[in-house]
């Protein structure tokens, strides 16, 4: 799993937003706002982690049940894939 080339995350006025660059900007106009958790998942994907790695990394930082976290990670990853930002 990886972030598709041409999409980057930036922090703008305290918000995490995904924007298109280069050739992708011809197809995608505007930006998508991510909450802090989704932004963290994005960054972990960018580091090369798969869903299991993301869950493991986040379990170190958050006091949450693994099943709940895993479901939230899967939902966020699925949304990023459906929106065309992430390749599986």
PDB file of N, CA and C in Angstrom:
ATOM      1  N   UNK A   1       0.850  -1.161   0.000  1.00  0.00           N
ATOM      2  CA  UNK A   1       0.000   0.000   0.000  1.00  0.00           C
ATOM      3  C   UNK A   1       0.904   1.235   0.000  1.00  0.00           C
ATOM      4  N   UNK A   2       0.510   2.221  -0.822  1.00  0.00           N
ATOM      5  CA  UNK A   2       1.302   3.448  -0.873  1.00  0.00           C
ATOM      6  C   UNK A   2       0.433   4.623  -1.307  1.00  0.00           C
ATOM      7  N   UNK A   3       0.901   5.810  -0.978  1.00  0.00           N
ATOM      8  CA  UNK A   3       0.250   7.034  -1.414  1.00  0.00           C
ATOM      9  C   UNK A   3       0.527   7.177  -2.913  1.00  0.00           C
ATOM     10  N   UNK A   4      -0.514   7.477  -3.687  1.00  0.00           N
ATOM     11  CA  UNK A   4      -0.308   7.669  -5.118  1.00  0.00           C
ATOM     12  C   UNK A   4       0.559   8.899  -5.358  1.00  0.00           C
ATOM     13  N   UNK A   5       1.407   8.785  -6.352  1.00  0.00           N
ATOM     14  CA  UNK A   5       2.259   9.908  -6.721  1.00  0.00           C
ATOM     15  C   UNK A   5       1.379  11.093  -7.122  1.00  0.00           C
ATOM     16  N   UNK A   6       1.765  12.254  -6.656  1.00  0.00           N
ATOM     17  CA  UNK A   6       1.035  13.460  -7.025  1.00  0.00           C
ATOM     18  C   UNK A   6       0.093  13.956  -5.947  1.00  0.00           C
ATOM     19  N   UNK A   7       0.014  13.250  -4.825  1.00  0.00           N
ATOM     20  CA  UNK A   7      -0.803  13.707  -3.699  1.00  0.00           C
ATOM     21  C   UNK A   7       0.087  13.910  -2.486  1.00  0.00           C
ATOM     22  N   UNK A   8      -0.101  15.028  -1.812  1.00  0.00           N
ATOM     23  CA  UNK A   8       0.683  15.339  -0.624  1.00  0.00           C
ATOM     24  C   UNK A   8      -0.241  15.866   0.464  1.00  0.00           C
ATOM     25  N   UNK A   9       0.216  15.754   1.687  1.00  0.00           N
ATOM     26  CA  UNK A   9      -0.526  16.295   2.815  1.00  0.00           C
ATOM     27  C   UNK A   9       0.239  17.506   3.338  1.00  0.00           C
ATOM     28  N   UNK A  10      -0.503  18.533   3.655  1.00  0.00           N
ATOM     29  CA  UNK A  10       0.080  19.755   4.192  1.00  0.00           C
ATOM     30  C   UNK A  10      -0.770  20.225   5.357  1.00  0.00           C
ATOM     31  N   UNK A  11      -0.159  20.979   6.236  1.00  0.00           N
ATOM     32  CA  UNK A  11      -0.899  21.585   7.342  1.00  0.00           C
ATOM     33  C   UNK A  11      -1.155  23.045   6.983  1.00  0.00           C
ATOM     34  N   UNK A  12      -2.423  23.408   6.892  1.00  0.00           N
ATOM     35  CA  UNK A  12      -2.828  24.753   6.502  1.00  0.00           C
ATOM     36  C   UNK A  12      -3.751  25.306   7.584  1.00  0.00           C
ATOM     37  N   UNK A  13      -3.318  26.361   8.219  1.00  0.00           N
ATOM     38  CA  UNK A  13      -4.101  27.012   9.271  1.00  0.00           C
ATOM     39  C   UNK A  13      -4.589  26.004  10.321  1.00  0.00           C
ATOM     40  N   UNK A  14      -3.692  25.097  10.706  1.00  0.00           N
ATOM     41  CA  UNK A  14      -4.005  24.124  11.736  1.00  0.00           C
ATOM     42  C   UNK A  14      -4.766  22.901  11.256  1.00  0.00           C
ATOM     43  N   UNK A  15      -5.071  22.831   9.975  1.00  0.00           N
ATOM     44  CA  UNK A  15      -5.795  21.693   9.412  1.00  0.00           C
ATOM     45  C   UNK A  15      -4.890  20.898   8.481  1.00  0.00           C
ATOM     46  N   UNK A  16      -5.065  19.591   8.488  1.00  0.00           N
ATOM     47  CA  UNK A  16      -4.344  18.715   7.560  1.00  0.00           C
ATOM     48  C   UNK A  16      -5.176  18.620   6.287  1.00  0.00           C
ATOM     49  N   UNK A  17      -4.564  18.931   5.151  1.00  0.00           N
ATOM     50  CA  UNK A  17      -5.271  18.848   3.881  1.00  0.00           C
ATOM     51  C   UNK A  17      -4.437  18.075   2.867  1.00  0.00           C
ATOM     52  N   UNK A  18      -5.135  17.348   2.004  1.00  0.00           N
ATOM     53  CA  UNK A  18      -4.506  16.637   0.898  1.00  0.00           C
ATOM     54  C   UNK A  18      -4.704  17.494  -0.341  1.00  0.00           C
ATOM     55  N   UNK A  19      -3.611  17.709  -1.055  1.00  0.00           N
ATOM     56  CA  UNK A  19      -3.678  18.456  -2.304  1.00  0.00           C
ATOM     57  C   UNK A  19      -2.981  17.670  -3.402  1.00  0.00           C
ATOM     58  N   UNK A  20      -3.354  17.970  -4.632  1.00  0.00           N
ATOM     59  CA  UNK A  20      -2.730  17.323  -5.780  1.00  0.00           C
ATOM     60  C   UNK A  20      -1.602  18.197  -6.302  1.00  0.00           C
ATOM     61  N   UNK A  21      -0.569  17.538  -6.814  1.00  0.00           N
ATOM     62  CA  UNK A  21       0.546  18.242  -7.418  1.00  0.00           C
ATOM     63  C   UNK A  21       0.809  17.652  -8.807  1.00  0.00           C
ATOM     64  N   UNK A  22       1.540  18.377  -9.609  1.00  0.00           N
ATOM     65  CA  UNK A  22       1.932  17.875 -10.921  1.00  0.00           C
ATOM     66  C   UNK A  22       0.748  17.459 -11.763  1.00  0.00           C
ATOM     67  N   UNK A  23       0.891  16.328 -12.439  1.00  0.00           N
ATOM     68  CA  UNK A  23      -0.140  15.846 -13.354  1.00  0.00           C
ATOM     69  C   UNK A  23      -1.466  15.578 -12.651  1.00  0.00           C
ATOM     70  N   UNK A  24      -1.411  15.176 -11.381  1.00  0.00           N
ATOM     71  CA  UNK A  24      -2.655  14.890 -10.651  1.00  0.00           C
ATOM     72  C   UNK A  24      -3.522  16.137 -10.500  1.00  0.00           C
ATOM     73  N   UNK A  25      -2.891  17.306 -10.494  1.00  0.00           N
ATOM     74  CA  UNK A  25      -3.666  18.540 -10.310  1.00  0.00           C
ATOM     75  C   UNK A  25      -4.560  18.836 -11.514  1.00  0.00           C
ATOM     76  N   UNK A  26      -4.335  18.166 -12.637  1.00  0.00           N
ATOM     77  CA  UNK A  26      -5.219  18.319 -13.795  1.00  0.00           C
ATOM     78  C   UNK A  26      -6.551  17.597 -13.574  1.00  0.00           C
ATOM     79  N   UNK A  27      -6.523  16.541 -12.750  1.00  0.00           N
ATOM     80  CA  UNK A  27      -7.723  15.731 -12.504  1.00  0.00           C
ATOM     81  C   UNK A  27      -8.401  16.058 -11.185  1.00  0.00           C
ATOM     82  N   UNK A  28      -7.648  16.533 -10.233  1.00  0.00           N
ATOM     83  CA  UNK A  28      -8.168  16.774  -8.886  1.00  0.00           C
ATOM     84  C   UNK A  28      -7.980  18.239  -8.545  1.00  0.00           C
ATOM     85  N   UNK A  29      -9.068  18.926  -8.324  1.00  0.00           N
ATOM     86  CA  UNK A  29      -9.023  20.351  -8.006  1.00  0.00           C
ATOM     87  C   UNK A  29      -9.526  20.540  -6.584  1.00  0.00           C
ATOM     88  N   UNK A  30      -8.850  21.355  -5.829  1.00  0.00           N
ATOM     89  CA  UNK A  30      -9.269  21.611  -4.454  1.00  0.00           C
ATOM     90  C   UNK A  30      -8.400  20.865  -3.471  1.00  0.00           C
ATOM     91  N   UNK A  31      -8.986  20.589  -2.302  1.00  0.00           N
ATOM     92  CA  UNK A  31      -8.263  19.879  -1.262  1.00  0.00           C
ATOM     93  C   UNK A  31      -9.250  19.113  -0.401  1.00  0.00           C
ATOM     94  N   UNK A  32      -8.735  18.122   0.312  1.00  0.00           N
ATOM     95  CA  UNK A  32      -9.547  17.313   1.216  1.00  0.00           C
ATOM     96  C   UNK A  32      -8.969  17.470   2.609  1.00  0.00           C
ATOM     97  N   UNK A  33      -9.828  17.809   3.543  1.00  0.00           N
ATOM     98  CA  UNK A  33      -9.397  17.985   4.931  1.00  0.00           C
ATOM     99  C   UNK A  33      -9.428  16.638   5.647  1.00  0.00           C
ATOM    100  N   UNK A  34      -8.343  16.338   6.369  1.00  0.00           N
ATOM    101  CA  UNK A  34      -8.259  15.114   7.166  1.00  0.00           C
ATOM    102  C   UNK A  34      -8.219  15.482   8.642  1.00  0.00           C
ATOM    103  N   UNK A  35      -8.867  14.668   9.476  1.00  0.00           N
ATOM    104  CA  UNK A  35      -8.717  14.893  10.913  1.00  0.00           C
ATOM    105  C   UNK A  35      -7.336  14.395  11.338  1.00  0.00           C
ATOM    106  N   UNK A  36      -6.983  14.631  12.583  1.00  0.00           N
ATOM    107  CA  UNK A  36      -5.636  14.278  13.049  1.00  0.00           C
ATOM    108  C   UNK A  36      -5.335  12.796  12.912  1.00  0.00           C
ATOM    109  N   UNK A  37      -6.315  11.947  13.196  1.00  0.00           N
ATOM    110  CA  UNK A  37      -6.104  10.503  13.105  1.00  0.00           C
ATOM    111  C   UNK A  37      -5.879  10.075  11.663  1.00  0.00           C
ATOM    112  N   UNK A  38      -6.694  10.577  10.754  1.00  0.00           N
ATOM    113  CA  UNK A  38      -6.533  10.242   9.338  1.00  0.00           C
ATOM    114  C   UNK A  38      -5.189  10.753   8.817  1.00  0.00           C
ATOM    115  N   UNK A  39      -4.768  11.921   9.275  1.00  0.00           N
ATOM    116  CA  UNK A  39      -3.470  12.462   8.869  1.00  0.00           C
ATOM    117  C   UNK A  39      -2.341  11.570   9.372  1.00  0.00           C
ATOM    118  N   UNK A  40      -2.472  11.056  10.587  1.00  0.00           N
ATOM    119  CA  UNK A  40      -1.449  10.154  11.116  1.00  0.00           C
ATOM    120  C   UNK A  40      -1.395   8.861  10.307  1.00  0.00           C
ATOM    121  N   UNK A  41      -2.561   8.338   9.952  1.00  0.00           N
ATOM    122  CA  UNK A  41      -2.614   7.132   9.122  1.00  0.00           C
ATOM    123  C   UNK A  41      -1.961   7.403   7.770  1.00  0.00           C
ATOM    124  N   UNK A  42      -2.239   8.560   7.184  1.00  0.00           N
ATOM    125  CA  UNK A  42      -1.609   8.952   5.907  1.00  0.00           C
ATOM    126  C   UNK A  42      -0.092   8.914   6.043  1.00  0.00           C
ATOM    127  N   UNK A  43       0.416   9.530   7.096  1.00  0.00           N
ATOM    128  CA  UNK A  43       1.871   9.591   7.300  1.00  0.00           C
ATOM    129  C   UNK A  43       2.465   8.200   7.481  1.00  0.00           C
ATOM    130  N   UNK A  44       1.760   7.319   8.164  1.00  0.00           N
ATOM    131  CA  UNK A  44       2.260   5.951   8.362  1.00  0.00           C
ATOM    132  C   UNK A  44       2.245   5.168   7.057  1.00  0.00           C
ATOM    133  N   UNK A  45       1.228   5.400   6.222  1.00  0.00           N
ATOM    134  CA  UNK A  45       1.219   4.788   4.887  1.00  0.00           C
ATOM    135  C   UNK A  45       2.414   5.298   4.091  1.00  0.00           C
ATOM    136  N   UNK A  46       2.670   6.601   4.168  1.00  0.00           N
ATOM    137  CA  UNK A  46       3.796   7.201   3.447  1.00  0.00           C
ATOM    138  C   UNK A  46       5.135   6.610   3.890  1.00  0.00           C
ATOM    139  N   UNK A  47       5.193   6.138   5.136  1.00  0.00           N
ATOM    140  CA  UNK A  47       6.418   5.508   5.644  1.00  0.00           C
ATOM    141  C   UNK A  47       6.525   4.050   5.216  1.00  0.00           C
ATOM    142  N   UNK A  48       5.506   3.531   4.527  1.00  0.00           N
ATOM    143  CA  UNK A  48       5.559   2.172   4.011  1.00  0.00           C
ATOM    144  C   UNK A  48       4.877   1.122   4.866  1.00  0.00           C
ATOM    145  N   UNK A  49       4.146   1.530   5.887  1.00  0.00           N
ATOM    146  CA  UNK A  49       3.480   0.558   6.745  1.00  0.00           C
ATOM    147  C   UNK A  49       2.191   0.047   6.108  1.00  0.00           C
ATOM    148  N   UNK A  50       1.894  -1.233   6.351  1.00  0.00           N
ATOM    149  CA  UNK A  50       0.608  -1.786   5.942  1.00  0.00           C
ATOM    150  C   UNK A  50      -0.375  -1.604   7.095  1.00  0.00           C
ATOM    151  N   UNK A  51      -1.601  -2.104   6.936  1.00  0.00           N
ATOM    152  CA  UNK A  51      -2.614  -1.896   7.978  1.00  0.00           C
ATOM    153  C   UNK A  51      -2.173  -2.459   9.329  1.00  0.00           C
ATOM    154  N   UNK A  52      -1.556  -3.639   9.333  1.00  0.00           N
ATOM    155  CA  UNK A  52      -1.097  -4.218  10.600  1.00  0.00           C
ATOM    156  C   UNK A  52      -0.031  -3.344  11.253  1.00  0.00           C
ATOM    157  N   UNK A  53       0.879  -2.818  10.447  1.00  0.00           N
ATOM    158  CA  UNK A  53       1.920  -1.937  10.967  1.00  0.00           C
ATOM    159  C   UNK A  53       1.351  -0.634  11.503  1.00  0.00           C
ATOM    160  N   UNK A  54       0.349  -0.101  10.817  1.00  0.00           N
ATOM    161  CA  UNK A  54      -0.301   1.132  11.270  1.00  0.00           C
ATOM    162  C   UNK A  54      -0.967   0.902  12.614  1.00  0.00           C
ATOM    163  N   UNK A  55      -1.697  -0.205  12.724  1.00  0.00           N
ATOM    164  CA  UNK A  55      -2.367  -0.523  13.990  1.00  0.00           C
ATOM    165  C   UNK A  55      -1.339  -0.674  15.107  1.00  0.00           C
ATOM    166  N   UNK A  56      -0.265  -1.402  14.853  1.00  0.00           N
ATOM    167  CA  UNK A  56       0.775  -1.607  15.869  1.00  0.00           C
ATOM    168  C   UNK A  56       1.388  -0.280  16.305  1.00  0.00           C
ATOM    169  N   UNK A  57       1.689   0.588  15.340  1.00  0.00           N
ATOM    170  CA  UNK A  57       2.296   1.887  15.667  1.00  0.00           C
ATOM    171  C   UNK A  57       1.339   2.742  16.486  1.00  0.00           C
ATOM    172  N   UNK A  58       0.075   2.735  16.127  1.00  0.00           N
ATOM    173  CA  UNK A  58      -0.894   3.581  16.818  1.00  0.00           C
ATOM    174  C   UNK A  58      -1.239   3.037  18.207  1.00  0.00           C
ATOM    175  N   UNK A  59      -1.162   1.720  18.367  1.00  0.00           N
ATOM    176  CA  UNK A  59      -1.419   1.136  19.689  1.00  0.00           C
ATOM    177  C   UNK A  59      -0.384   1.602  20.708  1.00  0.00           C
ATOM    178  N   UNK A  60       0.816   1.927  20.227  1.00  0.00           N
ATOM    179  CA  UNK A  60       1.861   2.427  21.121  1.00  0.00           C
ATOM    180  C   UNK A  60       1.545   3.830  21.634  1.00  0.00           C
ATOM    181  N   UNK A  61       0.740   4.568  20.881  1.00  0.00           N
ATOM    182  CA  UNK A  61       0.450   5.961  21.225  1.00  0.00           C
ATOM    183  C   UNK A  61      -0.916   6.187  21.855  1.00  0.00           C
ATOM    184  N   UNK A  62      -1.847   5.280  21.614  1.00  0.00           N
ATOM    185  CA  UNK A  62      -3.226   5.497  22.051  1.00  0.00           C
ATOM    186  C   UNK A  62      -3.699   4.387  22.985  1.00  0.00           C
ATOM    187  N   UNK A  63      -4.483   4.762  23.965  1.00  0.00           N
ATOM    188  CA  UNK A  63      -5.101   3.808  24.877  1.00  0.00           C
ATOM    189  C   UNK A  63      -6.474   3.455  24.320  1.00  0.00           C
ATOM    190  N   UNK A  64      -6.483   2.443  23.453  1.00  0.00           N
ATOM    191  CA  UNK A  64      -7.706   2.044  22.760  1.00  0.00           C
ATOM    192  C   UNK A  64      -7.663   0.540  22.535  1.00  0.00           C
ATOM    193  N   UNK A  65      -8.844  -0.066  22.445  1.00  0.00           N
ATOM    194  CA  UNK A  65      -8.903  -1.504  22.174  1.00  0.00           C
ATOM    195  C   UNK A  65      -8.433  -1.765  20.744  1.00  0.00           C
ATOM    196  N   UNK A  66      -7.652  -2.810  20.581  1.00  0.00           N
ATOM    197  CA  UNK A  66      -7.091  -3.112  19.266  1.00  0.00           C
ATOM    198  C   UNK A  66      -8.180  -3.310  18.215  1.00  0.00           C
ATOM    199  N   UNK A  67      -9.250  -4.007  18.555  1.00  0.00           N
ATOM    200  CA  UNK A  67     -10.319  -4.252  17.580  1.00  0.00           C
ATOM    201  C   UNK A  67     -10.940  -2.954  17.081  1.00  0.00           C
ATOM    202  N   UNK A  68     -11.171  -2.015  17.991  1.00  0.00           N
ATOM    203  CA  UNK A  68     -11.756  -0.721  17.628  1.00  0.00           C
ATOM    204  C   UNK A  68     -10.788   0.049  16.729  1.00  0.00           C
ATOM    205  N   UNK A  69      -9.516   0.072  17.111  1.00  0.00           N
ATOM    206  CA  UNK A  69      -8.511   0.777  16.322  1.00  0.00           C
ATOM    207  C   UNK A  69      -8.383   0.153  14.939  1.00  0.00           C
ATOM    208  N   UNK A  70      -8.333  -1.171  14.893  1.00  0.00           N
ATOM    209  CA  UNK A  70      -8.200  -1.866  13.609  1.00  0.00           C
ATOM    210  C   UNK A  70      -9.368  -1.514  12.694  1.00  0.00           C
ATOM    211  N   UNK A  71     -10.583  -1.490  13.230  1.00  0.00           N
ATOM    212  CA  UNK A  71     -11.765  -1.143  12.429  1.00  0.00           C
ATOM    213  C   UNK A  71     -11.671   0.289  11.914  1.00  0.00           C
ATOM    214  N   UNK A  72     -11.221   1.206  12.762  1.00  0.00           N
ATOM    215  CA  UNK A  72     -11.087   2.606  12.349  1.00  0.00           C
ATOM    216  C   UNK A  72     -10.004   2.778  11.287  1.00  0.00           C
ATOM    217  N   UNK A  73      -8.888   2.071  11.448  1.00  0.00           N
ATOM    218  CA  UNK A  73      -7.807   2.135  10.454  1.00  0.00           C
ATOM    219  C   UNK A  73      -8.306   1.589   9.122  1.00  0.00           C
ATOM    220  N   UNK A  74      -8.978   0.447   9.146  1.00  0.00           N
ATOM    221  CA  UNK A  74      -9.495  -0.141   7.908  1.00  0.00           C
ATOM    222  C   UNK A  74     -10.467   0.798   7.213  1.00  0.00           C
ATOM    223  N   UNK A  75     -11.338   1.427   7.976  1.00  0.00           N
ATOM    224  CA  UNK A  75     -12.314   2.358   7.409  1.00  0.00           C
ATOM    225  C   UNK A  75     -11.602   3.537   6.750  1.00  0.00           C
ATOM    226  N   UNK A  76     -10.609   4.099   7.433  1.00  0.00           N
ATOM    227  CA  UNK A  76      -9.882   5.237   6.886  1.00  0.00           C
ATOM    228  C   UNK A  76      -9.098   4.843   5.641  1.00  0.00           C
ATOM    229  N   UNK A  77      -8.408   3.717   5.687  1.00  0.00           N
ATOM    230  CA  UNK A  77      -7.644   3.250   4.526  1.00  0.00           C
ATOM    231  C   UNK A  77      -8.589   3.012   3.346  1.00  0.00           C
ATOM    232  N   UNK A  78      -9.718   2.369   3.598  1.00  0.00           N
ATOM    233  CA  UNK A  78     -10.681   2.116   2.525  1.00  0.00           C
ATOM    234  C   UNK A  78     -11.157   3.419   1.895  1.00  0.00           C
ATOM    235  N   UNK A  79     -11.409   4.420   2.708  1.00  0.00           N
ATOM    236  CA  UNK A  79     -11.842   5.723   2.191  1.00  0.00           C
ATOM    237  C   UNK A  79     -10.749   6.356   1.341  1.00  0.00           C
ATOM    238  N   UNK A  80      -9.506   6.294   1.811  1.00  0.00           N
ATOM    239  CA  UNK A  80      -8.382   6.862   1.040  1.00  0.00           C
ATOM    240  C   UNK A  80      -8.206   6.133  -0.293  1.00  0.00           C
ATOM    241  N   UNK A  81      -8.426   4.822  -0.302  1.00  0.00           N
ATOM    242  CA  UNK A  81      -8.339   4.054  -1.534  1.00  0.00           C
ATOM    243  C   UNK A  81      -9.497   4.434  -2.469  1.00  0.00           C
ATOM    244  N   UNK A  82     -10.709   4.486  -1.922  1.00  0.00           N
ATOM    245  CA  UNK A  82     -11.892   4.831  -2.736  1.00  0.00           C
ATOM    246  C   UNK A  82     -11.761   6.228  -3.338  1.00  0.00           C
ATOM    247  N   UNK A  83     -11.151   7.144  -2.614  1.00  0.00           N
ATOM    248  CA  UNK A  83     -10.985   8.510  -3.104  1.00  0.00           C
ATOM    249  C   UNK A  83      -9.836   8.628  -4.103  1.00  0.00           C
ATOM    250  N   UNK A  84      -9.058   7.550  -4.253  1.00  0.00           N
ATOM    251  CA  UNK A  84      -7.984   7.532  -5.235  1.00  0.00           C
ATOM    252  C   UNK A  84      -6.652   8.062  -4.757  1.00  0.00           C
ATOM    253  N   UNK A  85      -6.494   8.241  -3.448  1.00  0.00           N
ATOM    254  CA  UNK A  85      -5.242   8.767  -2.906  1.00  0.00           C
ATOM    255  C   UNK A  85      -4.225   7.677  -2.590  1.00  0.00           C
ATOM    256  N   UNK A  86      -4.694   6.448  -2.371  1.00  0.00           N
ATOM    257  CA  UNK A  86      -3.831   5.349  -1.939  1.00  0.00           C
ATOM    258  C   UNK A  86      -4.013   4.168  -2.882  1.00  0.00           C
ATOM    259  N   UNK A  87      -2.892   3.538  -3.225  1.00  0.00           N
ATOM    260  CA  UNK A  87      -2.890   2.312  -4.020  1.00  0.00           C
ATOM    261  C   UNK A  87      -2.630   1.132  -3.109  1.00  0.00           C
ATOM    262  N   UNK A  88      -3.365   0.074  -3.328  1.00  0.00           N
ATOM    263  CA  UNK A  88      -3.175  -1.129  -2.500  1.00  0.00           C
ATOM    264  C   UNK A  88      -2.243  -2.079  -3.220  1.00  0.00           C
TER     265      UNK A  88
END
